[in-house]
Every structure is written in C-alpha cells, then in structure tokens.
Amino acid sequence: MKPVQVAERLRWLREIAVRTGRDLSNFALSHRAYLGFSDRWTETGGYVEGILAPPTELADYLNQFAEVGIHEVLITPIGADRALEHFMDRFDKEVRPRLK
C-alpha cells in the first residue's frame, strides 16, 4: 500500500477506536514495504505491490510513512538487486542517512 492508502486505513482504525472507547496510544503501528533499487521510479503490480527507485526517492517514499503515523516499516527487498547482504549494505549507505 502507498502512504496515502495507509493513512486512510489508520484513519479508519482511529475512528473505530474512538467509537469503541479504545486507546491506540500504546500500539506501535507498522507497515511492510517491498523495495528495490532502480535508476528510475517503477511501481510493481500483481501480488506484490512494490517500489523500485533510486535511493533518494526510496528515502522520500519511506519518510511519507512516518508522516502518516507509521512507527516501523518492515522492508522486503525486491528486484534484481535482491541479494540480502548487498541490499542491506546499499540501503544502509544510500537510503538510511536520508530517513527522518
């Protein structure tokens, strides 16, 4: 799901919580994102909706989740650059420093 879709679902959860007298303040909200590196922004389709993009655009995309209230993003590598060690090294060097 894109950040705008996640924001809509969080709004629904908050509305339900208010109606039922529940407090969500002790919940850590998380989301799984499927990401890979690419020279240009590409959205995957089908069963796995993911994003392939340059590092700066991946960081901007991930920062949007924090802005809508997500506390933790679980990342699953996709694309040709999926070797976990290589993905993690690149993510750590090129994306992580840009995260809020």
PDB file of N, CA and C in Angstrom:
ATOM      1  N   MET A   1       0.823  -1.188   0.000  1.00  0.00           N
ATOM      2  CA  MET A   1       0.000   0.000   0.000  1.00  0.00           C
ATOM      3  C   MET A   1       0.867   1.251   0.000  1.00  0.00           C
ATOM      4  N   LYS A   2       0.416   2.219  -0.677  1.00  0.00           N
ATOM      5  CA  LYS A   2       1.100   3.508  -0.695  1.00  0.00           C
ATOM      6  C   LYS A   2       0.775   4.269   0.589  1.00  0.00           C
ATOM      7  N   PRO A   3       1.604   5.256   0.934  1.00  0.00           N
ATOM      8  CA  PRO A   3       1.373   6.004   2.167  1.00  0.00           C
ATOM      9  C   PRO A   3      -0.034   6.598   2.275  1.00  0.00           C
ATOM     10  N   VAL A   4      -0.575   7.094   1.197  1.00  0.00           N
ATOM     11  CA  VAL A   4      -1.925   7.679   1.254  1.00  0.00           C
ATOM     12  C   VAL A   4      -2.967   6.609   1.598  1.00  0.00           C
ATOM     13  N   GLN A   5      -2.783   5.397   1.106  1.00  0.00           N
ATOM     14  CA  GLN A   5      -3.702   4.304   1.429  1.00  0.00           C
ATOM     15  C   GLN A   5      -3.557   3.883   2.887  1.00  0.00           C
ATOM     16  N   VAL A   6      -2.323   3.852   3.366  1.00  0.00           N
ATOM     17  CA  VAL A   6      -2.079   3.515   4.769  1.00  0.00           C
ATOM     18  C   VAL A   6      -2.711   4.573   5.667  1.00  0.00           C
ATOM     19  N   ALA A   7      -2.575   5.840   5.303  1.00  0.00           N
ATOM     20  CA  ALA A   7      -3.169   6.928   6.089  1.00  0.00           C
ATOM     21  C   ALA A   7      -4.679   6.761   6.196  1.00  0.00           C
ATOM     22  N   GLU A   8      -5.318   6.360   5.094  1.00  0.00           N
ATOM     23  CA  GLU A   8      -6.765   6.151   5.107  1.00  0.00           C
ATOM     24  C   GLU A   8      -7.144   5.021   6.068  1.00  0.00           C
ATOM     25  N   ARG A   9      -6.400   3.936   6.037  1.00  0.00           N
ATOM     26  CA  ARG A   9      -6.697   2.813   6.935  1.00  0.00           C
ATOM     27  C   ARG A   9      -6.418   3.160   8.397  1.00  0.00           C
ATOM     28  N   LEU A  10      -5.400   3.949   8.640  1.00  0.00           N
ATOM     29  CA  LEU A  10      -5.139   4.401  10.008  1.00  0.00           C
ATOM     30  C   LEU A  10      -6.277   5.289  10.505  1.00  0.00           C
ATOM     31  N   ARG A  11      -6.801   6.110   9.622  1.00  0.00           N
ATOM     32  CA  ARG A  11      -7.954   6.946   9.987  1.00  0.00           C
ATOM     33  C   ARG A  11      -9.132   6.065  10.381  1.00  0.00           C
ATOM     34  N   TRP A  12      -9.361   5.000   9.607  1.00  0.00           N
ATOM     35  CA  TRP A  12     -10.452   4.068   9.930  1.00  0.00           C
ATOM     36  C   TRP A  12     -10.219   3.432  11.294  1.00  0.00           C
ATOM     37  N   LEU A  13      -8.994   2.977  11.550  1.00  0.00           N
ATOM     38  CA  LEU A  13      -8.677   2.362  12.842  1.00  0.00           C
ATOM     39  C   LEU A  13      -8.918   3.329  13.995  1.00  0.00           C
ATOM     40  N   ARG A  14      -8.505   4.556  13.798  1.00  0.00           N
ATOM     41  CA  ARG A  14      -8.691   5.556  14.857  1.00  0.00           C
ATOM     42  C   ARG A  14     -10.173   5.846  15.092  1.00  0.00           C
ATOM     43  N   GLU A  15     -10.947   5.902  14.021  1.00  0.00           N
ATOM     44  CA  GLU A  15     -12.392   6.116  14.165  1.00  0.00           C
ATOM     45  C   GLU A  15     -13.044   4.956  14.919  1.00  0.00           C
ATOM     46  N   ILE A  16     -12.659   3.747  14.597  1.00  0.00           N
ATOM     47  CA  ILE A  16     -13.199   2.572  15.285  1.00  0.00           C
ATOM     48  C   ILE A  16     -12.787   2.598  16.759  1.00  0.00           C
ATOM     49  N   ALA A  17     -11.549   2.963  17.014  1.00  0.00           N
ATOM     50  CA  ALA A  17     -11.071   3.027  18.395  1.00  0.00           C
ATOM     51  C   ALA A  17     -11.876   4.040  19.204  1.00  0.00           C
ATOM     52  N   VAL A  18     -12.146   5.194  18.630  1.00  0.00           N
ATOM     53  CA  VAL A  18     -12.932   6.214  19.329  1.00  0.00           C
ATOM     54  C   VAL A  18     -14.344   5.704  19.599  1.00  0.00           C
ATOM     55  N   ARG A  19     -14.958   5.099  18.583  1.00  0.00           N
ATOM     56  CA  ARG A  19     -16.332   4.585  18.742  1.00  0.00           C
ATOM     57  C   ARG A  19     -16.434   3.503  19.810  1.00  0.00           C
ATOM     58  N   THR A  20     -15.375   2.717  19.950  1.00  0.00           N
ATOM     59  CA  THR A  20     -15.413   1.590  20.892  1.00  0.00           C
ATOM     60  C   THR A  20     -14.707   1.889  22.212  1.00  0.00           C
ATOM     61  N   GLY A  21     -14.264   3.139  22.371  1.00  0.00           N
ATOM     62  CA  GLY A  21     -13.613   3.523  23.614  1.00  0.00           C
ATOM     63  C   GLY A  21     -12.242   2.912  23.817  1.00  0.00           C
ATOM     64  N   ARG A  22     -11.552   2.615  22.734  1.00  0.00           N
ATOM     65  CA  ARG A  22     -10.210   2.017  22.805  1.00  0.00           C
ATOM     66  C   ARG A  22      -9.138   3.096  22.660  1.00  0.00           C
ATOM     67  N   ASP A  23      -7.992   2.824  23.242  1.00  0.00           N
ATOM     68  CA  ASP A  23      -6.858   3.738  23.177  1.00  0.00           C
ATOM     69  C   ASP A  23      -5.752   3.080  22.355  1.00  0.00           C
ATOM     70  N   LEU A  24      -5.353   3.717  21.276  1.00  0.00           N
ATOM     71  CA  LEU A  24      -4.304   3.170  20.406  1.00  0.00           C
ATOM     72  C   LEU A  24      -2.915   3.714  20.738  1.00  0.00           C
ATOM     73  N   SER A  25      -2.810   4.544  21.761  1.00  0.00           N
ATOM     74  CA  SER A  25      -1.533   5.198  22.035  1.00  0.00           C
ATOM     75  C   SER A  25      -0.418   4.221  22.418  1.00  0.00           C
ATOM     76  N   ASN A  26      -0.751   3.041  22.905  1.00  0.00           N
ATOM     77  CA  ASN A  26       0.282   2.062  23.271  1.00  0.00           C
ATOM     78  C   ASN A  26       0.610   1.089  22.146  1.00  0.00           C
ATOM     79  N   PHE A  27       0.020   1.290  20.994  1.00  0.00           N
ATOM     80  CA  PHE A  27       0.288   0.432  19.853  1.00  0.00           C
ATOM     81  C   PHE A  27       1.377   1.036  18.973  1.00  0.00           C
ATOM     82  N   ALA A  28       2.310   0.210  18.540  1.00  0.00           N
ATOM     83  CA  ALA A  28       3.299   0.618  17.545  1.00  0.00           C
ATOM     84  C   ALA A  28       2.738   0.214  16.178  1.00  0.00           C
ATOM     85  N   LEU A  29       2.522   1.176  15.334  1.00  0.00           N
ATOM     86  CA  LEU A  29       1.936   0.904  14.026  1.00  0.00           C
ATOM     87  C   LEU A  29       3.043   0.626  13.018  1.00  0.00           C
ATOM     88  N   SER A  30       2.888  -0.482  12.293  1.00  0.00           N
ATOM     89  CA  SER A  30       3.924  -0.875  11.337  1.00  0.00           C
ATOM     90  C   SER A  30       3.311  -1.138   9.966  1.00  0.00           C
ATOM     91  N   HIS A  31       4.171  -1.184   8.981  1.00  0.00           N
ATOM     92  CA  HIS A  31       3.758  -1.443   7.600  1.00  0.00           C
ATOM     93  C   HIS A  31       4.902  -2.156   6.895  1.00  0.00           C
ATOM     94  N   ARG A  32       4.569  -3.096   6.013  1.00  0.00           N
ATOM     95  CA  ARG A  32       5.585  -3.781   5.203  1.00  0.00           C
ATOM     96  C   ARG A  32       5.660  -3.105   3.843  1.00  0.00           C
ATOM     97  N   ALA A  33       6.890  -2.785   3.438  1.00  0.00           N
ATOM     98  CA  ALA A  33       7.128  -2.175   2.128  1.00  0.00           C
ATOM     99  C   ALA A  33       8.069  -3.074   1.333  1.00  0.00           C
ATOM    100  N   TYR A  34       7.748  -3.283   0.083  1.00  0.00           N
ATOM    101  CA  TYR A  34       8.569  -4.072  -0.832  1.00  0.00           C
ATOM    102  C   TYR A  34       9.359  -3.085  -1.680  1.00  0.00           C
ATOM    103  N   LEU A  35      10.687  -3.102  -1.519  1.00  0.00           N
ATOM    104  CA  LEU A  35      11.529  -2.088  -2.153  1.00  0.00           C
ATOM    105  C   LEU A  35      12.713  -2.710  -2.885  1.00  0.00           C
ATOM    106  N   GLY A  36      13.137  -2.013  -3.922  1.00  0.00           N
ATOM    107  CA  GLY A  36      14.336  -2.392  -4.641  1.00  0.00           C
ATOM    108  C   GLY A  36      14.959  -1.165  -5.275  1.00  0.00           C
ATOM    109  N   PHE A  37      16.198  -1.307  -5.676  1.00  0.00           N
ATOM    110  CA  PHE A  37      16.917  -0.200  -6.291  1.00  0.00           C
ATOM    111  C   PHE A  37      16.751  -0.236  -7.804  1.00  0.00           C
ATOM    112  N   SER A  38      16.588   0.950  -8.374  1.00  0.00           N
ATOM    113  CA  SER A  38      16.458   1.092  -9.812  1.00  0.00           C
ATOM    114  C   SER A  38      16.917   2.497 -10.193  1.00  0.00           C
ATOM    115  N   ASP A  39      17.196   2.703 -11.467  1.00  0.00           N
ATOM    116  CA  ASP A  39      17.612   4.027 -11.937  1.00  0.00           C
ATOM    117  C   ASP A  39      16.445   5.006 -12.036  1.00  0.00           C
ATOM    118  N   ARG A  40      15.212   4.468 -12.078  1.00  0.00           N
ATOM    119  CA  ARG A  40      14.033   5.340 -12.151  1.00  0.00           C
ATOM    120  C   ARG A  40      12.889   4.719 -11.359  1.00  0.00           C
ATOM    121  N   TRP A  41      11.943   5.538 -10.979  1.00  0.00           N
ATOM    122  CA  TRP A  41      10.784   5.121 -10.194  1.00  0.00           C
ATOM    123  C   TRP A  41       9.942   4.135 -11.002  1.00  0.00           C
ATOM    124  N   THR A  42       9.706   2.969 -10.430  1.00  0.00           N
ATOM    125  CA  THR A  42       8.878   1.950 -11.067  1.00  0.00           C
ATOM    126  C   THR A  42       8.017   1.294  -9.998  1.00  0.00           C
ATOM    127  N   GLU A  43       6.726   1.211 -10.250  1.00  0.00           N
ATOM    128  CA  GLU A  43       5.819   0.534  -9.326  1.00  0.00           C
ATOM    129  C   GLU A  43       5.521  -0.854  -9.862  1.00  0.00           C
ATOM    130  N   THR A  44       5.713  -1.864  -9.006  1.00  0.00           N
ATOM    131  CA  THR A  44       5.408  -3.225  -9.426  1.00  0.00           C
ATOM    132  C   THR A  44       3.922  -3.471  -9.228  1.00  0.00           C
ATOM    133  N   GLY A  45       3.395  -4.405  -9.941  1.00  0.00           N
ATOM    134  CA  GLY A  45       1.978  -4.733  -9.817  1.00  0.00           C
ATOM    135  C   GLY A  45       1.810  -6.190  -9.462  1.00  0.00           C
ATOM    136  N   GLY A  46       0.580  -6.637  -9.518  1.00  0.00           N
ATOM    137  CA  GLY A  46       0.305  -8.030  -9.221  1.00  0.00           C
ATOM    138  C   GLY A  46       0.224  -8.292  -7.737  1.00  0.00           C
ATOM    139  N   TYR A  47       0.648  -9.473  -7.334  1.00  0.00           N
ATOM    140  CA  TYR A  47       0.529  -9.899  -5.941  1.00  0.00           C
ATOM    141  C   TYR A  47       1.356  -9.021  -5.000  1.00  0.00           C
ATOM    142  N   VAL A  48       2.555  -8.650  -5.433  1.00  0.00           N
ATOM    143  CA  VAL A  48       3.426  -7.816  -4.603  1.00  0.00           C
ATOM    144  C   VAL A  48       3.460  -6.410  -5.194  1.00  0.00           C
ATOM    145  N   GLU A  49       2.883  -5.468  -4.458  1.00  0.00           N
ATOM    146  CA  GLU A  49       2.945  -4.073  -4.869  1.00  0.00           C
ATOM    147  C   GLU A  49       4.185  -3.459  -4.237  1.00  0.00           C
ATOM    148  N   GLY A  50       5.158  -3.154  -5.055  1.00  0.00           N
ATOM    149  CA  GLY A  50       6.400  -2.630  -4.529  1.00  0.00           C
ATOM    150  C   GLY A  50       6.887  -1.441  -5.319  1.00  0.00           C
ATOM    151  N   ILE A  51       8.002  -0.917  -4.855  1.00  0.00           N
ATOM    152  CA  ILE A  51       8.616   0.251  -5.481  1.00  0.00           C
ATOM    153  C   ILE A  51      10.073  -0.065  -5.796  1.00  0.00           C
ATOM    154  N   LEU A  52      10.459   0.210  -7.018  1.00  0.00           N
ATOM    155  CA  LEU A  52      11.864   0.183  -7.443  1.00  0.00           C
ATOM    156  C   LEU A  52      12.209   1.630  -7.754  1.00  0.00           C
ATOM    157  N   ALA A  53      13.296   2.142  -7.166  1.00  0.00           N
ATOM    158  CA  ALA A  53      13.606   3.556  -7.360  1.00  0.00           C
ATOM    159  C   ALA A  53      15.043   3.854  -6.947  1.00  0.00           C
ATOM    160  N   PRO A  54      15.524   5.038  -7.313  1.00  0.00           N
ATOM    161  CA  PRO A  54      16.828   5.484  -6.825  1.00  0.00           C
ATOM    162  C   PRO A  54      16.773   5.697  -5.299  1.00  0.00           C
ATOM    163  N   PRO A  55      17.913   5.646  -4.640  1.00  0.00           N
ATOM    164  CA  PRO A  55      17.949   5.769  -3.178  1.00  0.00           C
ATOM    165  C   PRO A  55      17.250   7.004  -2.611  1.00  0.00           C
ATOM    166  N   THR A  56      17.445   8.164  -3.230  1.00  0.00           N
ATOM    167  CA  THR A  56      16.809   9.379  -2.687  1.00  0.00           C
ATOM    168  C   THR A  56      15.293   9.280  -2.748  1.00  0.00           C
ATOM    169  N   GLU A  57      14.767   8.703  -3.812  1.00  0.00           N
ATOM    170  CA  GLU A  57      13.318   8.557  -3.939  1.00  0.00           C
ATOM    171  C   GLU A  57      12.779   7.500  -2.975  1.00  0.00           C
ATOM    172  N   LEU A  58      13.560   6.441  -2.723  1.00  0.00           N
ATOM    173  CA  LEU A  58      13.147   5.446  -1.728  1.00  0.00           C
ATOM    174  C   LEU A  58      13.063   6.081  -0.345  1.00  0.00           C
ATOM    175  N   ALA A  59      14.035   6.911  -0.003  1.00  0.00           N
ATOM    176  CA  ALA A  59      14.015   7.582   1.303  1.00  0.00           C
ATOM    177  C   ALA A  59      12.817   8.512   1.408  1.00  0.00           C
ATOM    178  N   ASP A  60      12.537   9.272   0.366  1.00  0.00           N
ATOM    179  CA  ASP A  60      11.366  10.164   0.379  1.00  0.00           C
ATOM    180  C   ASP A  60      10.083   9.364   0.569  1.00  0.00           C
ATOM    181  N   TYR A  61       9.984   8.254  -0.124  1.00  0.00           N
ATOM    182  CA  TYR A  61       8.811   7.372  -0.025  1.00  0.00           C
ATOM    183  C   TYR A  61       8.661   6.841   1.401  1.00  0.00           C
ATOM    184  N   LEU A  62       9.729   6.345   1.985  1.00  0.00           N
ATOM    185  CA  LEU A  62       9.674   5.802   3.345  1.00  0.00           C
ATOM    186  C   LEU A  62       9.353   6.890   4.372  1.00  0.00           C
ATOM    187  N   ASN A  63       9.865   8.084   4.178  1.00  0.00           N
ATOM    188  CA  ASN A  63       9.574   9.182   5.097  1.00  0.00           C
ATOM    189  C   ASN A  63       8.089   9.533   5.115  1.00  0.00           C
ATOM    190  N   GLN A  64       7.398   9.283   4.023  1.00  0.00           N
ATOM    191  CA  GLN A  64       5.962   9.550   3.978  1.00  0.00           C
ATOM    192  C   GLN A  64       5.193   8.662   4.961  1.00  0.00           C
ATOM    193  N   PHE A  65       5.678   7.460   5.205  1.00  0.00           N
ATOM    194  CA  PHE A  65       5.004   6.575   6.158  1.00  0.00           C
ATOM    195  C   PHE A  65       5.090   7.137   7.574  1.00  0.00           C
ATOM    196  N   ALA A  66       6.228   7.693   7.931  1.00  0.00           N
ATOM    197  CA  ALA A  66       6.368   8.316   9.253  1.00  0.00           C
ATOM    198  C   ALA A  66       5.412   9.493   9.376  1.00  0.00           C
ATOM    199  N   GLU A  67       5.259  10.245   8.305  1.00  0.00           N
ATOM    200  CA  GLU A  67       4.383  11.421   8.320  1.00  0.00           C
ATOM    201  C   GLU A  67       2.914  11.060   8.534  1.00  0.00           C
ATOM    202  N   VAL A  68       2.504   9.851   8.134  1.00  0.00           N
ATOM    203  CA  VAL A  68       1.100   9.448   8.324  1.00  0.00           C
ATOM    204  C   VAL A  68       0.886   8.669   9.619  1.00  0.00           C
ATOM    205  N   GLY A  69       1.959   8.440  10.387  1.00  0.00           N
ATOM    206  CA  GLY A  69       1.804   7.811  11.691  1.00  0.00           C
ATOM    207  C   GLY A  69       2.343   6.408  11.842  1.00  0.00           C
ATOM    208  N   ILE A  70       3.083   5.921  10.860  1.00  0.00           N
ATOM    209  CA  ILE A  70       3.682   4.596  10.965  1.00  0.00           C
ATOM    210  C   ILE A  70       4.976   4.704  11.767  1.00  0.00           C
ATOM    211  N   HIS A  71       5.120   3.853  12.766  1.00  0.00           N
ATOM    212  CA  HIS A  71       6.297   3.887  13.639  1.00  0.00           C
ATOM    213  C   HIS A  71       7.428   2.987  13.143  1.00  0.00           C
ATOM    214  N   GLU A  72       7.082   1.946  12.399  1.00  0.00           N
ATOM    215  CA  GLU A  72       8.074   0.968  11.956  1.00  0.00           C
ATOM    216  C   GLU A  72       7.712   0.483  10.559  1.00  0.00           C
ATOM    217  N   VAL A  73       8.706   0.452   9.685  1.00  0.00           N
ATOM    218  CA  VAL A  73       8.495  -0.078   8.341  1.00  0.00           C
ATOM    219  C   VAL A  73       9.343  -1.340   8.200  1.00  0.00           C
ATOM    220  N   LEU A  74       8.691  -2.429   7.848  1.00  0.00           N
ATOM    221  CA  LEU A  74       9.372  -3.694   7.589  1.00  0.00           C
ATOM    222  C   LEU A  74       9.649  -3.747   6.097  1.00  0.00           C
ATOM    223  N   ILE A  75      10.894  -3.922   5.727  1.00  0.00           N
ATOM    224  CA  ILE A  75      11.286  -3.848   4.323  1.00  0.00           C
ATOM    225  C   ILE A  75      11.627  -5.222   3.790  1.00  0.00           C
ATOM    226  N   THR A  76      11.026  -5.538   2.655  1.00  0.00           N
ATOM    227  CA  THR A  76      11.325  -6.767   1.936  1.00  0.00           C
ATOM    228  C   THR A  76      11.959  -6.382   0.599  1.00  0.00           C
ATOM    229  N   PRO A  77      13.197  -6.816   0.338  1.00  0.00           N
ATOM    230  CA  PRO A  77      13.854  -6.486  -0.921  1.00  0.00           C
ATOM    231  C   PRO A  77      13.180  -7.172  -2.113  1.00  0.00           C
ATOM    232  N   ILE A  78      13.065  -6.438  -3.195  1.00  0.00           N
ATOM    233  CA  ILE A  78      12.552  -6.993  -4.456  1.00  0.00           C
ATOM    234  C   ILE A  78      13.459  -6.537  -5.587  1.00  0.00           C
ATOM    235  N   GLY A  79      13.277  -7.131  -6.749  1.00  0.00           N
ATOM    236  CA  GLY A  79      14.016  -6.719  -7.930  1.00  0.00           C
ATOM    237  C   GLY A  79      15.286  -7.516  -8.124  1.00  0.00           C
ATOM    238  N   ALA A  80      16.053  -7.106  -9.110  1.00  0.00           N
ATOM    239  CA  ALA A  80      17.270  -7.825  -9.482  1.00  0.00           C
ATOM    240  C   ALA A  80      18.354  -7.710  -8.415  1.00  0.00           C
ATOM    241  N   ASP A  81      18.292  -6.681  -7.598  1.00  0.00           N
ATOM    242  CA  ASP A  81      19.314  -6.411  -6.587  1.00  0.00           C
ATOM    243  C   ASP A  81      18.892  -6.990  -5.236  1.00  0.00           C
ATOM    244  N   ARG A  82      18.364  -8.234  -5.226  1.00  0.00           N
ATOM    245  CA  ARG A  82      17.751  -8.799  -4.034  1.00  0.00           C
ATOM    246  C   ARG A  82      18.701  -9.528  -3.100  1.00  0.00           C
ATOM    247  N   ALA A  83      19.949  -9.734  -3.465  1.00  0.00           N
ATOM    248  CA  ALA A  83      20.866 -10.407  -2.546  1.00  0.00           C
ATOM    249  C   ALA A  83      20.861  -9.609  -1.249  1.00  0.00           C
ATOM    250  N   LEU A  84      20.439 -10.239  -0.179  1.00  0.00           N
ATOM    251  CA  LEU A  84      20.163  -9.536   1.070  1.00  0.00           C
ATOM    252  C   LEU A  84      21.353  -8.716   1.570  1.00  0.00           C
ATOM    253  N   GLU A  85      22.529  -9.290   1.577  1.00  0.00           N
ATOM    254  CA  GLU A  85      23.696  -8.562   2.081  1.00  0.00           C
ATOM    255  C   GLU A  85      23.969  -7.316   1.253  1.00  0.00           C
ATOM    256  N   HIS A  86      23.896  -7.447  -0.064  1.00  0.00           N
ATOM    257  CA  HIS A  86      24.140  -6.300  -0.946  1.00  0.00           C
ATOM    258  C   HIS A  86      23.047  -5.253  -0.759  1.00  0.00           C
ATOM    259  N   PHE A  87      21.795  -5.691  -0.690  1.00  0.00           N
ATOM    260  CA  PHE A  87      20.678  -4.769  -0.485  1.00  0.00           C
ATOM    261  C   PHE A  87      20.858  -4.001   0.825  1.00  0.00           C
ATOM    262  N   MET A  88      21.177  -4.732   1.906  1.00  0.00           N
ATOM    263  CA  MET A  88      21.321  -4.094   3.213  1.00  0.00           C
ATOM    264  C   MET A  88      22.478  -3.093   3.234  1.00  0.00           C
ATOM    265  N   ASP A  89      23.595  -3.451   2.628  1.00  0.00           N
ATOM    266  CA  ASP A  89      24.732  -2.529   2.559  1.00  0.00           C
ATOM    267  C   ASP A  89      24.353  -1.256   1.811  1.00  0.00           C
ATOM    268  N   ARG A  90      23.722  -1.441   0.682  1.00  0.00           N
ATOM    269  CA  ARG A  90      23.350  -0.281  -0.123  1.00  0.00           C
ATOM    270  C   ARG A  90      22.294   0.565   0.589  1.00  0.00           C
ATOM    271  N   PHE A  91      21.304  -0.096   1.172  1.00  0.00           N
ATOM    272  CA  PHE A  91      20.260   0.622   1.903  1.00  0.00           C
ATOM    273  C   PHE A  91      20.884   1.430   3.039  1.00  0.00           C
ATOM    274  N   ASP A  92      21.789   0.808   3.776  1.00  0.00           N
ATOM    275  CA  ASP A  92      22.426   1.461   4.925  1.00  0.00           C
ATOM    276  C   ASP A  92      23.229   2.690   4.493  1.00  0.00           C
ATOM    277  N   LYS A  93      23.902   2.612   3.354  1.00  0.00           N
ATOM    278  CA  LYS A  93      24.750   3.707   2.889  1.00  0.00           C
ATOM    279  C   LYS A  93      23.986   4.798   2.144  1.00  0.00           C
ATOM    280  N   GLU A  94      22.969   4.395   1.365  1.00  0.00           N
ATOM    281  CA  GLU A  94      22.359   5.358   0.443  1.00  0.00           C
ATOM    282  C   GLU A  94      20.949   5.806   0.836  1.00  0.00           C
ATOM    283  N   VAL A  95      20.247   5.024   1.642  1.00  0.00           N
ATOM    284  CA  VAL A  95      18.867   5.379   1.990  1.00  0.00           C
ATOM    285  C   VAL A  95      18.767   5.802   3.453  1.00  0.00           C
ATOM    286  N   ARG A  96      19.273   4.983   4.323  1.00  0.00           N
ATOM    287  CA  ARG A  96      19.127   5.217   5.765  1.00  0.00           C
ATOM    288  C   ARG A  96      19.552   6.616   6.215  1.00  0.00           C
ATOM    289  N   PRO A  97      20.656   7.166   5.726  1.00  0.00           N
ATOM    290  CA  PRO A  97      21.025   8.527   6.181  1.00  0.00           C
ATOM    291  C   PRO A  97      19.986   9.589   5.829  1.00  0.00           C
ATOM    292  N   ARG A  98      19.112   9.313   4.884  1.00  0.00           N
ATOM    293  CA  ARG A  98      18.104  10.284   4.449  1.00  0.00           C
ATOM    294  C   ARG A  98      16.762  10.119   5.176  1.00  0.00           C
ATOM    295  N   LEU A  99      16.668   9.126   6.030  1.00  0.00           N
ATOM    296  CA  LEU A  99      15.411   8.879   6.736  1.00  0.00           C
ATOM    297  C   LEU A  99      15.273   9.820   7.919  1.00  0.00           C
ATOM    298  N   LYS A 100      14.042  10.240   8.164  1.00  0.00           N
ATOM    299  CA  LYS A 100      13.762  11.145   9.295  1.00  0.00           C
ATOM    300  C   LYS A 100      13.641  10.358  10.568  1.00  0.00           C
TER     301      LYS A 100
END
